[in-house]
Amino acid sequence: MKLPIPKKLEERLAPLKERGDEFLRSWEWTWSSAWVVGVIISFIAMTTLVVIPSWMLFFADGPLGWNTRMLITLRDLVVLGWLNVWGGIFVITAYKVQVYRRKLRGESQAERYSGGYR
């Protein structure tokens, strides 16, 4: 499903999309670039999956004063939902970027990069 984008906005974003497509098409991983990207992704993941839920638990226990069983359950459900949604976003985004990259390079879905004997 594609979101409807107004024509004027689509025309203004076309050069940026072309630059992004060219970058994805020609990008090759080196050890140093993979390390830098891994550190950046790890920092973002740690912030969204550790720091924010921890703050939510602290905030619910302290200033909000959620002491009853119902509110503690609600607090836990909010944190669990946050973790599941963001964990899914990380996995789905990585998958979609790789599928789009293969499409830009003209590779088929049948090609597998697992190597070894089949």
PDB file of N, CA and C in Angstrom:
ATOM      1  N   MET A   1       0.832  -1.165   0.000  1.00  0.00           N
ATOM      2  CA  MET A   1       0.000   0.000   0.000  1.00  0.00           C
ATOM      3  C   MET A   1       0.888   1.244   0.000  1.00  0.00           C
ATOM      4  N   LYS A   2       0.684   2.118  -0.946  1.00  0.00           N
ATOM      5  CA  LYS A   2       1.430   3.358  -1.016  1.00  0.00           C
ATOM      6  C   LYS A   2       0.580   4.492  -0.466  1.00  0.00           C
ATOM      7  N   LEU A   3       1.232   5.349   0.284  1.00  0.00           N
ATOM      8  CA  LEU A   3       0.530   6.512   0.806  1.00  0.00           C
ATOM      9  C   LEU A   3       0.358   7.546  -0.301  1.00  0.00           C
ATOM     10  N   PRO A   4      -0.773   8.234  -0.336  1.00  0.00           N
ATOM     11  CA  PRO A   4      -0.957   9.266  -1.360  1.00  0.00           C
ATOM     12  C   PRO A   4      -0.077  10.478  -1.054  1.00  0.00           C
ATOM     13  N   ILE A   5       0.738  10.850  -2.036  1.00  0.00           N
ATOM     14  CA  ILE A   5       1.619  12.006  -1.896  1.00  0.00           C
ATOM     15  C   ILE A   5       1.173  13.043  -2.914  1.00  0.00           C
ATOM     16  N   PRO A   6       0.994  14.283  -2.500  1.00  0.00           N
ATOM     17  CA  PRO A   6       0.602  15.323  -3.463  1.00  0.00           C
ATOM     18  C   PRO A   6       1.644  15.464  -4.576  1.00  0.00           C
ATOM     19  N   LYS A   7       1.182  15.785  -5.781  1.00  0.00           N
ATOM     20  CA  LYS A   7       2.056  15.878  -6.960  1.00  0.00           C
ATOM     21  C   LYS A   7       3.188  16.874  -6.752  1.00  0.00           C
ATOM     22  N   LYS A   8       2.875  18.059  -6.210  1.00  0.00           N
ATOM     23  CA  LYS A   8       3.897  19.085  -6.005  1.00  0.00           C
ATOM     24  C   LYS A   8       5.000  18.589  -5.068  1.00  0.00           C
ATOM     25  N   LEU A   9       4.604  17.925  -3.985  1.00  0.00           N
ATOM     26  CA  LEU A   9       5.588  17.405  -3.048  1.00  0.00           C
ATOM     27  C   LEU A   9       6.415  16.301  -3.700  1.00  0.00           C
ATOM     28  N   GLU A  10       5.768  15.464  -4.477  1.00  0.00           N
ATOM     29  CA  GLU A  10       6.474  14.386  -5.170  1.00  0.00           C
ATOM     30  C   GLU A  10       7.514  14.947  -6.138  1.00  0.00           C
ATOM     31  N   GLU A  11       7.157  16.034  -6.846  1.00  0.00           N
ATOM     32  CA  GLU A  11       8.098  16.662  -7.774  1.00  0.00           C
ATOM     33  C   GLU A  11       9.281  17.263  -7.024  1.00  0.00           C
ATOM     34  N   ARG A  12       9.026  17.859  -5.860  1.00  0.00           N
ATOM     35  CA  ARG A  12      10.117  18.469  -5.087  1.00  0.00           C
ATOM     36  C   ARG A  12      11.034  17.419  -4.480  1.00  0.00           C
ATOM     37  N   LEU A  13      10.476  16.249  -4.153  1.00  0.00           N
ATOM     38  CA  LEU A  13      11.278  15.190  -3.540  1.00  0.00           C
ATOM     39  C   LEU A  13      11.982  14.301  -4.565  1.00  0.00           C
ATOM     40  N   ALA A  14      11.648  14.437  -5.845  1.00  0.00           N
ATOM     41  CA  ALA A  14      12.219  13.573  -6.880  1.00  0.00           C
ATOM     42  C   ALA A  14      13.749  13.614  -6.909  1.00  0.00           C
ATOM     43  N   PRO A  15      14.397  14.796  -6.858  1.00  0.00           N
ATOM     44  CA  PRO A  15      15.868  14.782  -6.861  1.00  0.00           C
ATOM     45  C   PRO A  15      16.467  14.069  -5.649  1.00  0.00           C
ATOM     46  N   LEU A  16      15.849  14.236  -4.486  1.00  0.00           N
ATOM     47  CA  LEU A  16      16.348  13.540  -3.300  1.00  0.00           C
ATOM     48  C   LEU A  16      16.174  12.031  -3.423  1.00  0.00           C
ATOM     49  N   LYS A  17      15.061  11.609  -4.000  1.00  0.00           N
ATOM     50  CA  LYS A  17      14.829  10.178  -4.201  1.00  0.00           C
ATOM     51  C   LYS A  17      15.853   9.601  -5.167  1.00  0.00           C
ATOM     52  N   GLU A  18      16.166  10.340  -6.232  1.00  0.00           N
ATOM     53  CA  GLU A  18      17.160   9.871  -7.195  1.00  0.00           C
ATOM     54  C   GLU A  18      18.538   9.748  -6.541  1.00  0.00           C
ATOM     55  N   ARG A  19      18.895  10.735  -5.714  1.00  0.00           N
ATOM     56  CA  ARG A  19      20.183  10.662  -5.010  1.00  0.00           C
ATOM     57  C   ARG A  19      20.216   9.475  -4.059  1.00  0.00           C
ATOM     58  N   GLY A  20      19.131   9.244  -3.344  1.00  0.00           N
ATOM     59  CA  GLY A  20      19.064   8.104  -2.437  1.00  0.00           C
ATOM     60  C   GLY A  20      19.115   6.780  -3.167  1.00  0.00           C
ATOM     61  N   ASP A  21      18.423   6.700  -4.300  1.00  0.00           N
ATOM     62  CA  ASP A  21      18.455   5.471  -5.094  1.00  0.00           C
ATOM     63  C   ASP A  21      19.858   5.191  -5.616  1.00  0.00           C
ATOM     64  N   GLU A  22      20.545   6.223  -6.084  1.00  0.00           N
ATOM     65  CA  GLU A  22      21.913   6.056  -6.585  1.00  0.00           C
ATOM     66  C   GLU A  22      22.849   5.616  -5.469  1.00  0.00           C
ATOM     67  N   PHE A  23      22.663   6.190  -4.287  1.00  0.00           N
ATOM     68  CA  PHE A  23      23.485   5.793  -3.142  1.00  0.00           C
ATOM     69  C   PHE A  23      23.247   4.323  -2.797  1.00  0.00           C
ATOM     70  N   LEU A  24      21.988   3.902  -2.719  1.00  0.00           N
ATOM     71  CA  LEU A  24      21.683   2.502  -2.396  1.00  0.00           C
ATOM     72  C   LEU A  24      22.186   1.549  -3.470  1.00  0.00           C
ATOM     73  N   ARG A  25      22.097   1.953  -4.720  1.00  0.00           N
ATOM     74  CA  ARG A  25      22.523   1.098  -5.827  1.00  0.00           C
ATOM     75  C   ARG A  25      24.035   0.863  -5.795  1.00  0.00           C
ATOM     76  N   SER A  26      24.790   1.903  -5.462  1.00  0.00           N
ATOM     77  CA  SER A  26      26.251   1.798  -5.554  1.00  0.00           C
ATOM     78  C   SER A  26      26.937   1.509  -4.223  1.00  0.00           C
ATOM     79  N   TRP A  27      26.207   1.465  -3.131  1.00  0.00           N
ATOM     80  CA  TRP A  27      26.806   1.269  -1.812  1.00  0.00           C
ATOM     81  C   TRP A  27      27.411  -0.116  -1.689  1.00  0.00           C
ATOM     82  N   GLU A  28      28.647  -0.181  -1.216  1.00  0.00           N
ATOM     83  CA  GLU A  28      29.305  -1.448  -0.902  1.00  0.00           C
ATOM     84  C   GLU A  28      29.829  -1.358   0.523  1.00  0.00           C
ATOM     85  N   TRP A  29      29.632  -2.423   1.278  1.00  0.00           N
ATOM     86  CA  TRP A  29      30.086  -2.439   2.667  1.00  0.00           C
ATOM     87  C   TRP A  29      31.586  -2.681   2.728  1.00  0.00           C
ATOM     88  N   THR A  30      32.258  -1.904   3.553  1.00  0.00           N
ATOM     89  CA  THR A  30      33.630  -2.197   3.945  1.00  0.00           C
ATOM     90  C   THR A  30      33.593  -2.462   5.442  1.00  0.00           C
ATOM     91  N   TRP A  31      34.679  -2.974   5.979  1.00  0.00           N
ATOM     92  CA  TRP A  31      34.685  -3.260   7.411  1.00  0.00           C
ATOM     93  C   TRP A  31      34.490  -1.995   8.228  1.00  0.00           C
ATOM     94  N   SER A  32      35.134  -0.913   7.797  1.00  0.00           N
ATOM     95  CA  SER A  32      35.035   0.320   8.580  1.00  0.00           C
ATOM     96  C   SER A  32      33.636   0.935   8.485  1.00  0.00           C
ATOM     97  N   SER A  33      33.038   0.948   7.292  1.00  0.00           N
ATOM     98  CA  SER A  33      31.689   1.517   7.171  1.00  0.00           C
ATOM     99  C   SER A  33      30.664   0.648   7.896  1.00  0.00           C
ATOM    100  N   ALA A  34      30.836  -0.671   7.855  1.00  0.00           N
ATOM    101  CA  ALA A  34      29.916  -1.555   8.576  1.00  0.00           C
ATOM    102  C   ALA A  34      30.029  -1.334  10.087  1.00  0.00           C
ATOM    103  N   TRP A  35      31.251  -1.096  10.572  1.00  0.00           N
ATOM    104  CA  TRP A  35      31.440  -0.855  11.996  1.00  0.00           C
ATOM    105  C   TRP A  35      30.769   0.450  12.415  1.00  0.00           C
ATOM    106  N   VAL A  36      30.966   1.509  11.630  1.00  0.00           N
ATOM    107  CA  VAL A  36      30.371   2.807  11.958  1.00  0.00           C
ATOM    108  C   VAL A  36      28.848   2.717  11.933  1.00  0.00           C
ATOM    109  N   VAL A  37      28.278   2.096  10.913  1.00  0.00           N
ATOM    110  CA  VAL A  37      26.824   1.950  10.828  1.00  0.00           C
ATOM    111  C   VAL A  37      26.314   1.081  11.978  1.00  0.00           C
ATOM    112  N   GLY A  38      27.063   0.035  12.329  1.00  0.00           N
ATOM    113  CA  GLY A  38      26.668  -0.812  13.448  1.00  0.00           C
ATOM    114  C   GLY A  38      26.640  -0.065  14.769  1.00  0.00           C
ATOM    115  N   VAL A  39      27.626   0.812  14.991  1.00  0.00           N
ATOM    116  CA  VAL A  39      27.658   1.609  16.221  1.00  0.00           C
ATOM    117  C   VAL A  39      26.470   2.572  16.252  1.00  0.00           C
ATOM    118  N   ILE A  40      26.179   3.201  15.119  1.00  0.00           N
ATOM    119  CA  ILE A  40      25.055   4.145  15.063  1.00  0.00           C
ATOM    120  C   ILE A  40      23.731   3.427  15.308  1.00  0.00           C
ATOM    121  N   ILE A  41      23.526   2.299  14.644  1.00  0.00           N
ATOM    122  CA  ILE A  41      22.286   1.531  14.829  1.00  0.00           C
ATOM    123  C   ILE A  41      22.182   1.032  16.273  1.00  0.00           C
ATOM    124  N   SER A  42      23.303   0.596  16.853  1.00  0.00           N
ATOM    125  CA  SER A  42      23.292   0.136  18.244  1.00  0.00           C
ATOM    126  C   SER A  42      22.915   1.261  19.198  1.00  0.00           C
ATOM    127  N   PHE A  43      23.434   2.458  18.957  1.00  0.00           N
ATOM    128  CA  PHE A  43      23.091   3.596  19.807  1.00  0.00           C
ATOM    129  C   PHE A  43      21.603   3.910  19.706  1.00  0.00           C
ATOM    130  N   ILE A  44      21.071   3.928  18.491  1.00  0.00           N
ATOM    131  CA  ILE A  44      19.644   4.206  18.306  1.00  0.00           C
ATOM    132  C   ILE A  44      18.803   3.103  18.954  1.00  0.00           C
ATOM    133  N   ALA A  45      19.213   1.840  18.766  1.00  0.00           N
ATOM    134  CA  ALA A  45      18.462   0.728  19.345  1.00  0.00           C
ATOM    135  C   ALA A  45      18.505   0.763  20.867  1.00  0.00           C
ATOM    136  N   MET A  46      19.665   1.054  21.441  1.00  0.00           N
ATOM    137  CA  MET A  46      19.763   1.117  22.897  1.00  0.00           C
ATOM    138  C   MET A  46      18.901   2.245  23.457  1.00  0.00           C
ATOM    139  N   THR A  47      18.862   3.358  22.742  1.00  0.00           N
ATOM    140  CA  THR A  47      18.050   4.471  23.218  1.00  0.00           C
ATOM    141  C   THR A  47      16.572   4.117  23.179  1.00  0.00           C
ATOM    142  N   THR A  48      16.112   3.554  22.060  1.00  0.00           N
ATOM    143  CA  THR A  48      14.677   3.288  21.931  1.00  0.00           C
ATOM    144  C   THR A  48      14.233   2.034  22.690  1.00  0.00           C
ATOM    145  N   LEU A  49      15.106   1.057  22.839  1.00  0.00           N
ATOM    146  CA  LEU A  49      14.692  -0.200  23.459  1.00  0.00           C
ATOM    147  C   LEU A  49      15.107  -0.350  24.920  1.00  0.00           C
ATOM    148  N   VAL A  50      15.962   0.548  25.436  1.00  0.00           N
ATOM    149  CA  VAL A  50      16.401   0.432  26.827  1.00  0.00           C
ATOM    150  C   VAL A  50      16.113   1.707  27.619  1.00  0.00           C
ATOM    151  N   VAL A  51      16.597   2.835  27.133  1.00  0.00           N
ATOM    152  CA  VAL A  51      16.526   4.071  27.909  1.00  0.00           C
ATOM    153  C   VAL A  51      15.086   4.569  28.041  1.00  0.00           C
ATOM    154  N   ILE A  52      14.357   4.621  26.945  1.00  0.00           N
ATOM    155  CA  ILE A  52      12.988   5.160  26.989  1.00  0.00           C
ATOM    156  C   ILE A  52      12.057   4.271  27.826  1.00  0.00           C
ATOM    157  N   PRO A  53      12.055   2.926  27.654  1.00  0.00           N
ATOM    158  CA  PRO A  53      11.195   2.108  28.534  1.00  0.00           C
ATOM    159  C   PRO A  53      11.601   2.203  30.003  1.00  0.00           C
ATOM    160  N   SER A  54      12.905   2.281  30.272  1.00  0.00           N
ATOM    161  CA  SER A  54      13.348   2.417  31.653  1.00  0.00           C
ATOM    162  C   SER A  54      12.838   3.728  32.260  1.00  0.00           C
ATOM    163  N   TRP A  55      12.912   4.796  31.476  1.00  0.00           N
ATOM    164  CA  TRP A  55      12.400   6.075  31.958  1.00  0.00           C
ATOM    165  C   TRP A  55      10.893   5.984  32.204  1.00  0.00           C
ATOM    166  N   MET A  56      10.172   5.300  31.316  1.00  0.00           N
ATOM    167  CA  MET A  56       8.720   5.160  31.481  1.00  0.00           C
ATOM    168  C   MET A  56       8.388   4.424  32.776  1.00  0.00           C
ATOM    169  N   LEU A  57       9.137   3.359  33.077  1.00  0.00           N
ATOM    170  CA  LEU A  57       8.895   2.618  34.315  1.00  0.00           C
ATOM    171  C   LEU A  57       9.191   3.495  35.536  1.00  0.00           C
ATOM    172  N   PHE A  58      10.279   4.245  35.487  1.00  0.00           N
ATOM    173  CA  PHE A  58      10.627   5.143  36.590  1.00  0.00           C
ATOM    174  C   PHE A  58       9.566   6.226  36.763  1.00  0.00           C
ATOM    175  N   PHE A  59       9.138   6.825  35.649  1.00  0.00           N
ATOM    176  CA  PHE A  59       8.157   7.902  35.690  1.00  0.00           C
ATOM    177  C   PHE A  59       6.815   7.397  36.218  1.00  0.00           C
ATOM    178  N   ALA A  60       6.419   6.189  35.818  1.00  0.00           N
ATOM    179  CA  ALA A  60       5.142   5.639  36.289  1.00  0.00           C
ATOM    180  C   ALA A  60       5.196   5.335  37.784  1.00  0.00           C
ATOM    181  N   ASP A  61       6.329   4.833  38.263  1.00  0.00           N
ATOM    182  CA  ASP A  61       6.450   4.528  39.692  1.00  0.00           C
ATOM    183  C   ASP A  61       6.579   5.783  40.545  1.00  0.00           C
ATOM    184  N   GLY A  62       7.295   6.787  40.046  1.00  0.00           N
ATOM    185  CA  GLY A  62       7.567   7.984  40.837  1.00  0.00           C
ATOM    186  C   GLY A  62       6.493   9.046  40.723  1.00  0.00           C
ATOM    187  N   PRO A  63       6.653   9.976  39.777  1.00  0.00           N
ATOM    188  CA  PRO A  63       5.733  11.120  39.688  1.00  0.00           C
ATOM    189  C   PRO A  63       4.272  10.732  39.431  1.00  0.00           C
ATOM    190  N   LEU A  64       4.027   9.715  38.634  1.00  0.00           N
ATOM    191  CA  LEU A  64       2.630   9.348  38.364  1.00  0.00           C
ATOM    192  C   LEU A  64       2.002   8.570  39.510  1.00  0.00           C
ATOM    193  N   GLY A  65       2.828   7.851  40.258  1.00  0.00           N
ATOM    194  CA  GLY A  65       2.326   7.108  41.409  1.00  0.00           C
ATOM    195  C   GLY A  65       1.390   5.965  41.054  1.00  0.00           C
ATOM    196  N   TRP A  66       1.732   5.222  40.020  1.00  0.00           N
ATOM    197  CA  TRP A  66       0.893   4.092  39.614  1.00  0.00           C
ATOM    198  C   TRP A  66       1.193   2.922  40.547  1.00  0.00           C
ATOM    199  N   ASN A  67       0.407   2.770  41.612  1.00  0.00           N
ATOM    200  CA  ASN A  67       0.655   1.742  42.626  1.00  0.00           C
ATOM    201  C   ASN A  67      -0.347   0.596  42.575  1.00  0.00           C
ATOM    202  N   THR A  68      -1.501   0.817  42.007  1.00  0.00           N
ATOM    203  CA  THR A  68      -2.512  -0.243  42.008  1.00  0.00           C
ATOM    204  C   THR A  68      -2.160  -1.306  40.975  1.00  0.00           C
ATOM    205  N   ARG A  69      -2.733  -2.455  41.170  1.00  0.00           N
ATOM    206  CA  ARG A  69      -2.450  -3.588  40.279  1.00  0.00           C
ATOM    207  C   ARG A  69      -2.844  -3.274  38.832  1.00  0.00           C
ATOM    208  N   MET A  70      -3.967  -2.589  38.644  1.00  0.00           N
ATOM    209  CA  MET A  70      -4.446  -2.241  37.305  1.00  0.00           C
ATOM    210  C   MET A  70      -3.472  -1.285  36.607  1.00  0.00           C
ATOM    211  N   LEU A  71      -3.003  -0.287  37.322  1.00  0.00           N
ATOM    212  CA  LEU A  71      -2.087   0.685  36.726  1.00  0.00           C
ATOM    213  C   LEU A  71      -0.704   0.091  36.472  1.00  0.00           C
ATOM    214  N   ILE A  72      -0.260  -0.812  37.345  1.00  0.00           N
ATOM    215  CA  ILE A  72       1.022  -1.488  37.109  1.00  0.00           C
ATOM    216  C   ILE A  72       0.922  -2.354  35.862  1.00  0.00           C
ATOM    217  N   THR A  73      -0.209  -3.025  35.689  1.00  0.00           N
ATOM    218  CA  THR A  73      -0.421  -3.829  34.478  1.00  0.00           C
ATOM    219  C   THR A  73      -0.451  -2.943  33.236  1.00  0.00           C
ATOM    220  N   LEU A  74      -1.119  -1.811  33.333  1.00  0.00           N
ATOM    221  CA  LEU A  74      -1.158  -0.874  32.217  1.00  0.00           C
ATOM    222  C   LEU A  74       0.241  -0.363  31.880  1.00  0.00           C
ATOM    223  N   ARG A  75       1.011  -0.027  32.899  1.00  0.00           N
ATOM    224  CA  ARG A  75       2.391   0.424  32.708  1.00  0.00           C
ATOM    225  C   ARG A  75       3.215  -0.634  31.970  1.00  0.00           C
ATOM    226  N   ASP A  76       3.083  -1.885  32.412  1.00  0.00           N
ATOM    227  CA  ASP A  76       3.832  -2.966  31.776  1.00  0.00           C
ATOM    228  C   ASP A  76       3.382  -3.194  30.338  1.00  0.00           C
ATOM    229  N   LEU A  77       2.085  -3.070  30.082  1.00  0.00           N
ATOM    230  CA  LEU A  77       1.586  -3.231  28.719  1.00  0.00           C
ATOM    231  C   LEU A  77       2.074  -2.113  27.794  1.00  0.00           C
ATOM    232  N   VAL A  78       2.152  -0.906  28.314  1.00  0.00           N
ATOM    233  CA  VAL A  78       2.664   0.212  27.515  1.00  0.00           C
ATOM    234  C   VAL A  78       4.119  -0.042  27.141  1.00  0.00           C
ATOM    235  N   VAL A  79       4.923  -0.443  28.101  1.00  0.00           N
ATOM    236  CA  VAL A  79       6.343  -0.712  27.835  1.00  0.00           C
ATOM    237  C   VAL A  79       6.493  -1.905  26.895  1.00  0.00           C
ATOM    238  N   LEU A  80       5.713  -2.947  27.095  1.00  0.00           N
ATOM    239  CA  LEU A  80       5.782  -4.115  26.217  1.00  0.00           C
ATOM    240  C   LEU A  80       5.377  -3.754  24.795  1.00  0.00           C
ATOM    241  N   GLY A  81       4.341  -2.956  24.647  1.00  0.00           N
ATOM    242  CA  GLY A  81       3.942  -2.503  23.312  1.00  0.00           C
ATOM    243  C   GLY A  81       5.031  -1.673  22.660  1.00  0.00           C
ATOM    244  N   TRP A  82       5.652  -0.778  23.418  1.00  0.00           N
ATOM    245  CA  TRP A  82       6.750   0.052  22.894  1.00  0.00           C
ATOM    246  C   TRP A  82       7.886  -0.838  22.370  1.00  0.00           C
ATOM    247  N   LEU A  83       8.292  -1.820  23.173  1.00  0.00           N
ATOM    248  CA  LEU A  83       9.397  -2.689  22.778  1.00  0.00           C
ATOM    249  C   LEU A  83       9.059  -3.507  21.532  1.00  0.00           C
ATOM    250  N   ASN A  84       7.852  -4.047  21.472  1.00  0.00           N
ATOM    251  CA  ASN A  84       7.462  -4.856  20.316  1.00  0.00           C
ATOM    252  C   ASN A  84       7.364  -4.026  19.048  1.00  0.00           C
ATOM    253  N   VAL A  85       6.774  -2.851  19.140  1.00  0.00           N
ATOM    254  CA  VAL A  85       6.631  -2.001  17.950  1.00  0.00           C
ATOM    255  C   VAL A  85       7.998  -1.584  17.430  1.00  0.00           C
ATOM    256  N   TRP A  86       8.873  -1.097  18.296  1.00  0.00           N
ATOM    257  CA  TRP A  86      10.180  -0.625  17.832  1.00  0.00           C
ATOM    258  C   TRP A  86      11.087  -1.776  17.400  1.00  0.00           C
ATOM    259  N   GLY A  87      11.001  -2.913  18.070  1.00  0.00           N
ATOM    260  CA  GLY A  87      11.761  -4.087  17.603  1.00  0.00           C
ATOM    261  C   GLY A  87      11.320  -4.490  16.203  1.00  0.00           C
ATOM    262  N   GLY A  88      10.012  -4.479  15.969  1.00  0.00           N
ATOM    263  CA  GLY A  88       9.489  -4.783  14.632  1.00  0.00           C
ATOM    264  C   GLY A  88       9.904  -3.753  13.605  1.00  0.00           C
ATOM    265  N   ILE A  89       9.913  -2.482  13.994  1.00  0.00           N
ATOM    266  CA  ILE A  89      10.328  -1.428  13.059  1.00  0.00           C
ATOM    267  C   ILE A  89      11.777  -1.636  12.630  1.00  0.00           C
ATOM    268  N   PHE A  90      12.662  -1.977  13.564  1.00  0.00           N
ATOM    269  CA  PHE A  90      14.061  -2.216  13.205  1.00  0.00           C
ATOM    270  C   PHE A  90      14.200  -3.378  12.231  1.00  0.00           C
ATOM    271  N   VAL A  91      13.527  -4.472  12.495  1.00  0.00           N
ATOM    272  CA  VAL A  91      13.647  -5.657  11.640  1.00  0.00           C
ATOM    273  C   VAL A  91      13.021  -5.407  10.271  1.00  0.00           C
ATOM    274  N   ILE A  92      11.823  -4.858  10.229  1.00  0.00           N
ATOM    275  CA  ILE A  92      11.129  -4.643   8.959  1.00  0.00           C
ATOM    276  C   ILE A  92      11.854  -3.599   8.110  1.00  0.00           C
ATOM    277  N   THR A  93      12.379  -2.548   8.738  1.00  0.00           N
ATOM    278  CA  THR A  93      13.111  -1.532   7.982  1.00  0.00           C
ATOM    279  C   THR A  93      14.351  -2.124   7.327  1.00  0.00           C
ATOM    280  N   ALA A  94      15.112  -2.926   8.068  1.00  0.00           N
ATOM    281  CA  ALA A  94      16.307  -3.553   7.486  1.00  0.00           C
ATOM    282  C   ALA A  94      15.924  -4.449   6.314  1.00  0.00           C
ATOM    283  N   TYR A  95      14.859  -5.217   6.464  1.00  0.00           N
ATOM    284  CA  TYR A  95      14.419  -6.100   5.385  1.00  0.00           C
ATOM    285  C   TYR A  95      13.977  -5.298   4.157  1.00  0.00           C
ATOM    286  N   LYS A  96      13.156  -4.268   4.366  1.00  0.00           N
ATOM    287  CA  LYS A  96      12.642  -3.471   3.241  1.00  0.00           C
ATOM    288  C   LYS A  96      13.767  -2.752   2.496  1.00  0.00           C
ATOM    289  N   VAL A  97      14.761  -2.237   3.224  1.00  0.00           N
ATOM    290  CA  VAL A  97      15.885  -1.560   2.567  1.00  0.00           C
ATOM    291  C   VAL A  97      16.645  -2.551   1.688  1.00  0.00           C
ATOM    292  N   GLN A  98      16.868  -3.772   2.172  1.00  0.00           N
ATOM    293  CA  GLN A  98      17.592  -4.747   1.371  1.00  0.00           C
ATOM    294  C   GLN A  98      16.794  -5.191   0.146  1.00  0.00           C
ATOM    295  N   VAL A  99      15.481  -5.346   0.293  1.00  0.00           N
ATOM    296  CA  VAL A  99      14.638  -5.706  -0.852  1.00  0.00           C
ATOM    297  C   VAL A  99      14.656  -4.589  -1.888  1.00  0.00           C
ATOM    298  N   TYR A 100      14.553  -3.348  -1.446  1.00  0.00           N
ATOM    299  CA  TYR A 100      14.575  -2.208  -2.361  1.00  0.00           C
ATOM    300  C   TYR A 100      15.937  -2.089  -3.047  1.00  0.00           C
ATOM    301  N   ARG A 101      17.002  -2.351  -2.299  1.00  0.00           N
ATOM    302  CA  ARG A 101      18.349  -2.311  -2.870  1.00  0.00           C
ATOM    303  C   ARG A 101      18.517  -3.371  -3.953  1.00  0.00           C
ATOM    304  N   ARG A 102      18.041  -4.571  -3.701  1.00  0.00           N
ATOM    305  CA  ARG A 102      18.107  -5.632  -4.722  1.00  0.00           C
ATOM    306  C   ARG A 102      17.327  -5.233  -5.961  1.00  0.00           C
ATOM    307  N   LYS A 103      16.166  -4.626  -5.761  1.00  0.00           N
ATOM    308  CA  LYS A 103      15.343  -4.183  -6.890  1.00  0.00           C
ATOM    309  C   LYS A 103      16.084  -3.130  -7.714  1.00  0.00           C
ATOM    310  N   LEU A 104      16.732  -2.181  -7.038  1.00  0.00           N
ATOM    311  CA  LEU A 104      17.483  -1.148  -7.747  1.00  0.00           C
ATOM    312  C   LEU A 104      18.643  -1.724  -8.540  1.00  0.00           C
ATOM    313  N   ARG A 105      19.268  -2.764  -8.012  1.00  0.00           N
ATOM    314  CA  ARG A 105      20.406  -3.384  -8.692  1.00  0.00           C
ATOM    315  C   ARG A 105      19.990  -4.378  -9.764  1.00  0.00           C
ATOM    316  N   GLY A 106      18.704  -4.659  -9.854  1.00  0.00           N
ATOM    317  CA  GLY A 106      18.230  -5.584 -10.875  1.00  0.00           C
ATOM    318  C   GLY A 106      18.434  -7.038 -10.513  1.00  0.00           C
ATOM    319  N   GLU A 107      18.631  -7.339  -9.251  1.00  0.00           N
ATOM    320  CA  GLU A 107      18.816  -8.720  -8.809  1.00  0.00           C
ATOM    321  C   GLU A 107      17.462  -9.365  -8.583  1.00  0.00           C
ATOM    322  N   SER A 108      17.404 -10.665  -8.765  1.00  0.00           N
ATOM    323  CA  SER A 108      16.136 -11.364  -8.567  1.00  0.00           C
ATOM    324  C   SER A 108      15.995 -11.784  -7.110  1.00  0.00           C
ATOM    325  N   GLN A 109      14.784 -12.035  -6.702  1.00  0.00           N
ATOM    326  CA  GLN A 109      14.513 -12.501  -5.348  1.00  0.00           C
ATOM    327  C   GLN A 109      15.004 -13.929  -5.157  1.00  0.00           C
ATOM    328  N   ALA A 110      15.187 -14.668  -6.257  1.00  0.00           N
ATOM    329  CA  ALA A 110      15.584 -16.058  -6.157  1.00  0.00           C
ATOM    330  C   ALA A 110      17.042 -16.193  -5.699  1.00  0.00           C
ATOM    331  N   GLU A 111      17.870 -15.173  -5.950  1.00  0.00           N
ATOM    332  CA  GLU A 111      19.262 -15.226  -5.529  1.00  0.00           C
ATOM    333  C   GLU A 111      19.331 -15.176  -4.013  1.00  0.00           C
ATOM    334  N   ARG A 112      20.161 -16.075  -3.478  1.00  0.00           N
ATOM    335  CA  ARG A 112      20.335 -16.109  -2.039  1.00  0.00           C
ATOM    336  C   ARG A 112      21.803 -15.915  -1.724  1.00  0.00           C
ATOM    337  N   TYR A 113      22.070 -15.231  -0.655  1.00  0.00           N
ATOM    338  CA  TYR A 113      23.444 -14.952  -0.287  1.00  0.00           C
ATOM    339  C   TYR A 113      23.941 -15.846   0.843  1.00  0.00           C
ATOM    340  N   SER A 114      23.338 -16.998   1.014  1.00  0.00           N
ATOM    341  CA  SER A 114      23.710 -17.835   2.136  1.00  0.00           C
ATOM    342  C   SER A 114      25.014 -18.583   1.885  1.00  0.00           C
ATOM    343  N   GLY A 115      25.332 -18.868   0.629  1.00  0.00           N
ATOM    344  CA  GLY A 115      26.554 -19.592   0.322  1.00  0.00           C
ATOM    345  C   GLY A 115      26.483 -21.042   0.746  1.00  0.00           C
ATOM    346  N   GLY A 116      27.565 -21.744   0.582  1.00  0.00           N
ATOM    347  CA  GLY A 116      27.627 -23.137   1.007  1.00  0.00           C
ATOM    348  C   GLY A 116      26.917 -24.064   0.052  1.00  0.00           C
ATOM    349  N   TYR A 117      26.808 -25.331   0.452  1.00  0.00           N
ATOM    350  CA  TYR A 117      26.197 -26.346  -0.386  1.00  0.00           C
ATOM    351  C   TYR A 117      24.686 -26.263  -0.280  1.00  0.00           C
ATOM    352  N   ARG A 118      24.012 -26.444  -1.421  1.00  0.00           N
ATOM    353  CA  ARG A 118      22.548 -26.463  -1.429  1.00  0.00           C
ATOM    354  C   ARG A 118      22.051 -27.741  -2.019  1.00  0.00           C
TER     355      ARG A 118
END
